[in-house]
Amino acid sequence: MKTGYIKKSALSALAFFGTLGMLSVGYSAYSSLSSVTAGQTLTTGLWTQIKDNFTDHETRISSLSSQISALSASQGMAKAWVNFDGTAAACPGGNCTIRSSYNVSGVTRLTNGAYTVTFAAPMANANYVVIGDTKADPNQGYALSQIRLHSYSPTGTSSYANVAPTTSSFTFGTMVQGYTNGTDVQYANIVVFN
């Protein structure tokens, strides 16, 4: 068994159980607030209790928000991910159909097998790691494809243009394994770590 797999599994479990723990604490805190029922006469004491409940609730939300922000700032957490259809039919006007995403505002199809992913919130720097997996468009007669980060074939041939990543986006090309021409992908799954 590979060490990287164990590390990735441990980080995923830590993130899952850490989030679960924060939500449990938040729920138990929320359920312990003083109850106020409809129809009670509004007295000074009751009004103070209502204000205290709101203040307590705001404090707990602020605390949970800080904990979630700290968790999302963690080096081991994905800062963006996207699952999209990159076929010409699924990218009308160049805007690809996103099936699901986090911190991705759009995917643009530049040409056959070339895409730019734009972040909803920018990365801290342009030195992020991009990991991806693709499946070629079966209508083009190919089953497998591979990603070529920060470059693509503008003419669909073996000539490639290099595009440096920025904090707001990155470009990649896809090609069939063993060939150099750009190939559209039906399934693209991309994850970004920073």
C-alpha atoms as a PDB file:
ATOM      1  CA  MET A   1       0.000   0.000   0.000  1.00  0.00           C
ATOM      2  CA  LYS A   2       1.360   3.431  -0.897  1.00  0.00           C
ATOM      3  CA  THR A   3       2.184   5.977   1.810  1.00  0.00           C
ATOM      4  CA  GLY A   4       0.483   8.829  -0.135  1.00  0.00           C
ATOM      5  CA  TYR A   5      -2.789   6.913  -0.153  1.00  0.00           C
ATOM      6  CA  ILE A   6      -2.668   6.435   3.613  1.00  0.00           C
ATOM      7  CA  LYS A   7      -1.833  10.111   4.159  1.00  0.00           C
ATOM      8  CA  LYS A   8      -4.677  11.233   1.871  1.00  0.00           C
ATOM      9  CA  SER A   9      -7.119   8.893   3.642  1.00  0.00           C
ATOM     10  CA  ALA A  10      -6.018  10.146   7.049  1.00  0.00           C
ATOM     11  CA  LEU A  11      -6.438  13.786   5.973  1.00  0.00           C
ATOM     12  CA  SER A  12      -9.888  13.069   4.546  1.00  0.00           C
ATOM     13  CA  ALA A  13     -10.948  11.330   7.767  1.00  0.00           C
ATOM     14  CA  LEU A  14      -9.568  14.195   9.857  1.00  0.00           C
ATOM     15  CA  ALA A  15     -11.489  16.755   7.806  1.00  0.00           C
ATOM     16  CA  PHE A  16     -14.699  14.729   7.983  1.00  0.00           C
ATOM     17  CA  PHE A  17     -14.602  14.055  11.724  1.00  0.00           C
ATOM     18  CA  GLY A  18     -13.399  17.596  12.472  1.00  0.00           C
ATOM     19  CA  THR A  19     -16.378  19.048  10.600  1.00  0.00           C
ATOM     20  CA  LEU A  20     -18.724  16.588  12.282  1.00  0.00           C
ATOM     21  CA  GLY A  21     -17.340  17.576  15.674  1.00  0.00           C
ATOM     22  CA  MET A  22     -17.805  21.297  15.000  1.00  0.00           C
ATOM     23  CA  LEU A  23     -21.391  20.762  13.872  1.00  0.00           C
ATOM     24  CA  SER A  24     -22.131  18.627  16.956  1.00  0.00           C
ATOM     25  CA  VAL A  25     -20.792  21.314  19.284  1.00  0.00           C
ATOM     26  CA  GLY A  26     -22.804  23.963  17.432  1.00  0.00           C
ATOM     27  CA  TYR A  27     -26.011  21.932  17.618  1.00  0.00           C
ATOM     28  CA  SER A  28     -25.642  21.123  21.311  1.00  0.00           C
ATOM     29  CA  ALA A  29     -24.970  24.788  22.055  1.00  0.00           C
ATOM     30  CA  TYR A  30     -28.012  25.835  20.043  1.00  0.00           C
ATOM     31  CA  SER A  31     -30.293  23.311  21.737  1.00  0.00           C
ATOM     32  CA  SER A  32     -29.246  24.565  25.203  1.00  0.00           C
ATOM     33  CA  LEU A  33     -30.654  28.086  24.712  1.00  0.00           C
ATOM     34  CA  SER A  34     -33.454  29.191  27.051  1.00  0.00           C
ATOM     35  CA  SER A  35     -36.845  28.532  25.540  1.00  0.00           C
ATOM     36  CA  VAL A  36     -39.422  31.219  24.958  1.00  0.00           C
ATOM     37  CA  THR A  37     -42.922  30.127  23.985  1.00  0.00           C
ATOM     38  CA  ALA A  38     -45.600  31.900  22.005  1.00  0.00           C
ATOM     39  CA  GLY A  39     -48.224  33.625  24.098  1.00  0.00           C
ATOM     40  CA  GLN A  40     -45.942  34.472  27.013  1.00  0.00           C
ATOM     41  CA  THR A  41     -46.436  37.945  28.417  1.00  0.00           C
ATOM     42  CA  LEU A  42     -43.520  40.134  27.435  1.00  0.00           C
ATOM     43  CA  THR A  43     -41.851  41.199  30.645  1.00  0.00           C
ATOM     44  CA  THR A  44     -38.505  42.852  31.210  1.00  0.00           C
ATOM     45  CA  GLY A  45     -37.074  39.503  32.294  1.00  0.00           C
ATOM     46  CA  LEU A  46     -38.431  37.733  29.205  1.00  0.00           C
ATOM     47  CA  TRP A  47     -37.134  40.489  26.921  1.00  0.00           C
ATOM     48  CA  THR A  48     -33.677  40.162  28.532  1.00  0.00           C
ATOM     49  CA  GLN A  49     -33.837  36.380  28.014  1.00  0.00           C
ATOM     50  CA  ILE A  50     -34.682  36.855  24.296  1.00  0.00           C
ATOM     51  CA  LYS A  51     -31.800  39.347  23.841  1.00  0.00           C
ATOM     52  CA  ASP A  52     -29.412  37.001  25.672  1.00  0.00           C
ATOM     53  CA  ASN A  53     -30.482  34.116  23.407  1.00  0.00           C
ATOM     54  CA  PHE A  54     -29.786  36.207  20.289  1.00  0.00           C
ATOM     55  CA  THR A  55     -26.433  37.366  21.635  1.00  0.00           C
ATOM     56  CA  ASP A  56     -25.497  33.813  22.561  1.00  0.00           C
ATOM     57  CA  HIS A  57     -26.590  32.570  19.126  1.00  0.00           C
ATOM     58  CA  GLU A  58     -24.535  35.261  17.328  1.00  0.00           C
ATOM     59  CA  THR A  59     -21.471  34.427  19.430  1.00  0.00           C
ATOM     60  CA  ARG A  60     -21.768  30.722  18.631  1.00  0.00           C
ATOM     61  CA  ILE A  61     -22.239  31.392  14.897  1.00  0.00           C
ATOM     62  CA  SER A  62     -19.183  33.657  14.905  1.00  0.00           C
ATOM     63  CA  SER A  63     -17.157  30.974  16.680  1.00  0.00           C
ATOM     64  CA  LEU A  64     -18.258  28.259  14.229  1.00  0.00           C
ATOM     65  CA  SER A  65     -17.516  30.577  11.300  1.00  0.00           C
ATOM     66  CA  SER A  66     -13.969  31.116  12.607  1.00  0.00           C
ATOM     67  CA  GLN A  67     -13.454  27.373  13.032  1.00  0.00           C
ATOM     68  CA  ILE A  68     -14.719  26.669   9.512  1.00  0.00           C
ATOM     69  CA  SER A  69     -12.470  29.419   8.085  1.00  0.00           C
ATOM     70  CA  ALA A  70      -9.477  27.911   9.885  1.00  0.00           C
ATOM     71  CA  LEU A  71     -10.352  24.473   8.519  1.00  0.00           C
ATOM     72  CA  SER A  72     -10.678  25.753   4.934  1.00  0.00           C
ATOM     73  CA  ALA A  73      -7.314  27.534   5.250  1.00  0.00           C
ATOM     74  CA  SER A  74      -5.651  24.210   6.062  1.00  0.00           C
ATOM     75  CA  GLN A  75      -2.869  23.170   3.689  1.00  0.00           C
ATOM     76  CA  GLY A  76      -4.353  19.708   3.260  1.00  0.00           C
ATOM     77  CA  MET A  77      -7.776  20.829   2.054  1.00  0.00           C
ATOM     78  CA  ALA A  78      -8.805  21.301  -1.572  1.00  0.00           C
ATOM     79  CA  LYS A  79      -9.199  24.989  -2.394  1.00  0.00           C
ATOM     80  CA  ALA A  80     -11.227  24.302  -5.549  1.00  0.00           C
ATOM     81  CA  TRP A  81     -12.633  21.402  -7.548  1.00  0.00           C
ATOM     82  CA  VAL A  82     -14.811  20.943 -10.581  1.00  0.00           C
ATOM     83  CA  ASN A  83     -16.528  18.175 -12.541  1.00  0.00           C
ATOM     84  CA  PHE A  84     -17.507  19.333 -16.027  1.00  0.00           C
ATOM     85  CA  ASP A  85     -18.431  18.228 -19.553  1.00  0.00           C
ATOM     86  CA  GLY A  86     -15.914  19.629 -22.032  1.00  0.00           C
ATOM     87  CA  THR A  87     -17.456  18.444 -25.291  1.00  0.00           C
ATOM     88  CA  ALA A  88     -18.264  21.065 -27.924  1.00  0.00           C
ATOM     89  CA  ALA A  89     -22.008  20.398 -27.517  1.00  0.00           C
ATOM     90  CA  ALA A  90     -21.810  20.986 -23.737  1.00  0.00           C
ATOM     91  CA  CYS A  91     -19.851  24.255 -24.112  1.00  0.00           C
ATOM     92  CA  PRO A  92     -22.170  26.632 -26.018  1.00  0.00           C
ATOM     93  CA  GLY A  93     -20.355  29.897 -26.623  1.00  0.00           C
ATOM     94  CA  GLY A  94     -17.295  28.343 -24.980  1.00  0.00           C
ATOM     95  CA  ASN A  95     -18.924  28.096 -21.521  1.00  0.00           C
ATOM     96  CA  CYS A  96     -18.768  24.476 -20.402  1.00  0.00           C
ATOM     97  CA  THR A  97     -21.481  22.691 -18.440  1.00  0.00           C
ATOM     98  CA  ILE A  98     -20.359  22.317 -14.826  1.00  0.00           C
ATOM     99  CA  ARG A  99     -21.862  19.264 -13.130  1.00  0.00           C
ATOM    100  CA  SER A 100     -20.575  20.150  -9.683  1.00  0.00           C
ATOM    101  CA  SER A 101     -17.919  22.458  -8.248  1.00  0.00           C
ATOM    102  CA  TYR A 102     -16.431  24.273  -5.301  1.00  0.00           C
ATOM    103  CA  ASN A 103     -14.775  27.705  -5.694  1.00  0.00           C
ATOM    104  CA  VAL A 104     -14.999  27.527  -9.496  1.00  0.00           C
ATOM    105  CA  SER A 105     -16.979  30.244 -11.253  1.00  0.00           C
ATOM    106  CA  GLY A 106     -16.609  28.846 -14.756  1.00  0.00           C
ATOM    107  CA  VAL A 107     -14.823  26.646 -17.276  1.00  0.00           C
ATOM    108  CA  THR A 108     -14.156  27.994 -20.762  1.00  0.00           C
ATOM    109  CA  ARG A 109     -13.473  25.768 -23.786  1.00  0.00           C
ATOM    110  CA  LEU A 110     -10.783  27.555 -25.820  1.00  0.00           C
ATOM    111  CA  THR A 111     -10.603  25.045 -28.658  1.00  0.00           C
ATOM    112  CA  ASN A 112     -10.686  21.272 -29.139  1.00  0.00           C
ATOM    113  CA  GLY A 113      -9.277  19.795 -25.905  1.00  0.00           C
ATOM    114  CA  ALA A 114      -8.315  23.126 -24.288  1.00  0.00           C
ATOM    115  CA  TYR A 115      -9.924  24.658 -21.187  1.00  0.00           C
ATOM    116  CA  THR A 116      -9.482  27.517 -18.728  1.00  0.00           C
ATOM    117  CA  VAL A 117     -10.787  27.051 -15.184  1.00  0.00           C
ATOM    118  CA  THR A 118     -11.629  30.315 -13.372  1.00  0.00           C
ATOM    119  CA  PHE A 119     -11.812  30.470  -9.581  1.00  0.00           C
ATOM    120  CA  ALA A 120     -14.707  32.137  -7.755  1.00  0.00           C
ATOM    121  CA  ALA A 121     -12.259  33.339  -5.061  1.00  0.00           C
ATOM    122  CA  PRO A 122      -8.594  33.721  -6.024  1.00  0.00           C
ATOM    123  CA  MET A 123      -5.836  31.446  -4.743  1.00  0.00           C
ATOM    124  CA  ALA A 124      -3.291  32.827  -2.257  1.00  0.00           C
ATOM    125  CA  ASN A 125      -0.592  32.468  -4.920  1.00  0.00           C
ATOM    126  CA  ALA A 126      -0.090  30.901  -8.353  1.00  0.00           C
ATOM    127  CA  ASN A 127       1.986  27.988  -6.995  1.00  0.00           C
ATOM    128  CA  TYR A 128      -0.973  25.685  -6.470  1.00  0.00           C
ATOM    129  CA  VAL A 129      -1.159  21.994  -7.349  1.00  0.00           C
ATOM    130  CA  VAL A 130      -3.680  20.764  -9.915  1.00  0.00           C
ATOM    131  CA  ILE A 131      -4.709  17.121 -10.053  1.00  0.00           C
ATOM    132  CA  GLY A 132      -7.107  15.795 -12.625  1.00  0.00           C
ATOM    133  CA  ASP A 133      -8.675  12.875 -14.382  1.00  0.00           C
ATOM    134  CA  THR A 134     -10.497  12.891 -17.708  1.00  0.00           C
ATOM    135  CA  LYS A 135     -12.468  10.653 -20.037  1.00  0.00           C
ATOM    136  CA  ALA A 136     -12.380  11.551 -23.721  1.00  0.00           C
ATOM    137  CA  ASP A 137     -15.452  12.302 -25.793  1.00  0.00           C
ATOM    138  CA  PRO A 138     -16.613   8.880 -27.090  1.00  0.00           C
ATOM    139  CA  ASN A 139     -17.937  10.599 -30.228  1.00  0.00           C
ATOM    140  CA  GLN A 140     -14.306  11.248 -31.194  1.00  0.00           C
ATOM    141  CA  GLY A 141     -13.545   7.528 -30.966  1.00  0.00           C
ATOM    142  CA  TYR A 142     -11.293   7.650 -27.907  1.00  0.00           C
ATOM    143  CA  ALA A 143     -11.813   6.185 -24.455  1.00  0.00           C
ATOM    144  CA  LEU A 144      -8.911   7.643 -22.448  1.00  0.00           C
ATOM    145  CA  SER A 145      -7.269  11.032 -22.363  1.00  0.00           C
ATOM    146  CA  GLN A 146      -4.626  12.762 -20.284  1.00  0.00           C
ATOM    147  CA  ILE A 147      -4.173  16.285 -18.938  1.00  0.00           C
ATOM    148  CA  ARG A 148      -1.392  18.621 -19.993  1.00  0.00           C
ATOM    149  CA  LEU A 149      -1.259  21.387 -17.376  1.00  0.00           C
ATOM    150  CA  HIS A 150      -0.593  25.010 -18.244  1.00  0.00           C
ATOM    151  CA  SER A 151      -0.439  24.331 -21.981  1.00  0.00           C
ATOM    152  CA  TYR A 152      -2.762  23.387 -24.803  1.00  0.00           C
ATOM    153  CA  SER A 153      -2.815  22.888 -28.565  1.00  0.00           C
ATOM    154  CA  PRO A 154      -4.401  26.027 -30.106  1.00  0.00           C
ATOM    155  CA  THR A 155      -4.545  24.396 -33.543  1.00  0.00           C
ATOM    156  CA  GLY A 156      -5.409  20.846 -32.464  1.00  0.00           C
ATOM    157  CA  THR A 157      -1.975  19.641 -33.583  1.00  0.00           C
ATOM    158  CA  SER A 158       1.259  18.802 -31.776  1.00  0.00           C
ATOM    159  CA  SER A 159       2.101  22.519 -31.453  1.00  0.00           C
ATOM    160  CA  TYR A 160       1.477  23.678 -27.866  1.00  0.00           C
ATOM    161  CA  ALA A 161       1.025  27.118 -26.295  1.00  0.00           C
ATOM    162  CA  ASN A 162       2.181  27.557 -22.705  1.00  0.00           C
ATOM    163  CA  VAL A 163      -0.063  29.510 -20.333  1.00  0.00           C
ATOM    164  CA  ALA A 164       1.248  30.412 -16.882  1.00  0.00           C
ATOM    165  CA  PRO A 165      -1.219  29.892 -14.023  1.00  0.00           C
ATOM    166  CA  THR A 166      -2.536  32.960 -12.214  1.00  0.00           C
ATOM    167  CA  THR A 167      -4.235  33.352  -8.859  1.00  0.00           C
ATOM    168  CA  SER A 168      -7.587  33.623 -10.666  1.00  0.00           C
ATOM    169  CA  SER A 169      -7.354  30.851 -13.297  1.00  0.00           C
ATOM    170  CA  PHE A 170      -5.319  28.164 -15.040  1.00  0.00           C
ATOM    171  CA  THR A 171      -5.406  26.571 -18.475  1.00  0.00           C
ATOM    172  CA  PHE A 172      -4.911  22.953 -19.445  1.00  0.00           C
ATOM    173  CA  GLY A 173      -5.124  20.800 -22.529  1.00  0.00           C
ATOM    174  CA  THR A 174      -6.312  17.241 -22.945  1.00  0.00           C
ATOM    175  CA  MET A 175      -5.044  14.729 -25.423  1.00  0.00           C
ATOM    176  CA  VAL A 176      -5.435  11.053 -26.118  1.00  0.00           C
ATOM    177  CA  GLN A 177      -2.694   8.995 -24.551  1.00  0.00           C
ATOM    178  CA  GLY A 178       0.020   8.331 -27.091  1.00  0.00           C
ATOM    179  CA  TYR A 179      -1.075  11.219 -29.370  1.00  0.00           C
ATOM    180  CA  THR A 180      -0.390  14.932 -29.220  1.00  0.00           C
ATOM    181  CA  ASN A 181      -3.560  16.423 -30.721  1.00  0.00           C
ATOM    182  CA  GLY A 182      -6.054  18.166 -28.441  1.00  0.00           C
ATOM    183  CA  THR A 183      -9.117  16.023 -27.630  1.00  0.00           C
ATOM    184  CA  ASP A 184     -12.395  17.126 -26.036  1.00  0.00           C
ATOM    185  CA  VAL A 185     -13.351  15.385 -22.819  1.00  0.00           C
ATOM    186  CA  GLN A 186     -16.783  14.237 -21.763  1.00  0.00           C
ATOM    187  CA  TYR A 187     -15.755  14.003 -18.109  1.00  0.00           C
ATOM    188  CA  ALA A 188     -13.152  16.208 -16.444  1.00  0.00           C
ATOM    189  CA  ASN A 189     -12.537  16.034 -12.692  1.00  0.00           C
ATOM    190  CA  ILE A 190     -10.086  18.656 -11.467  1.00  0.00           C
ATOM    191  CA  VAL A 191      -8.921  19.353  -7.880  1.00  0.00           C
ATOM    192  CA  VAL A 192      -6.723  22.279  -6.763  1.00  0.00           C
ATOM    193  CA  PHE A 193      -4.603  22.432  -3.599  1.00  0.00           C
ATOM    194  CA  ASN A 194      -2.811  25.595  -2.423  1.00  0.00           C
END
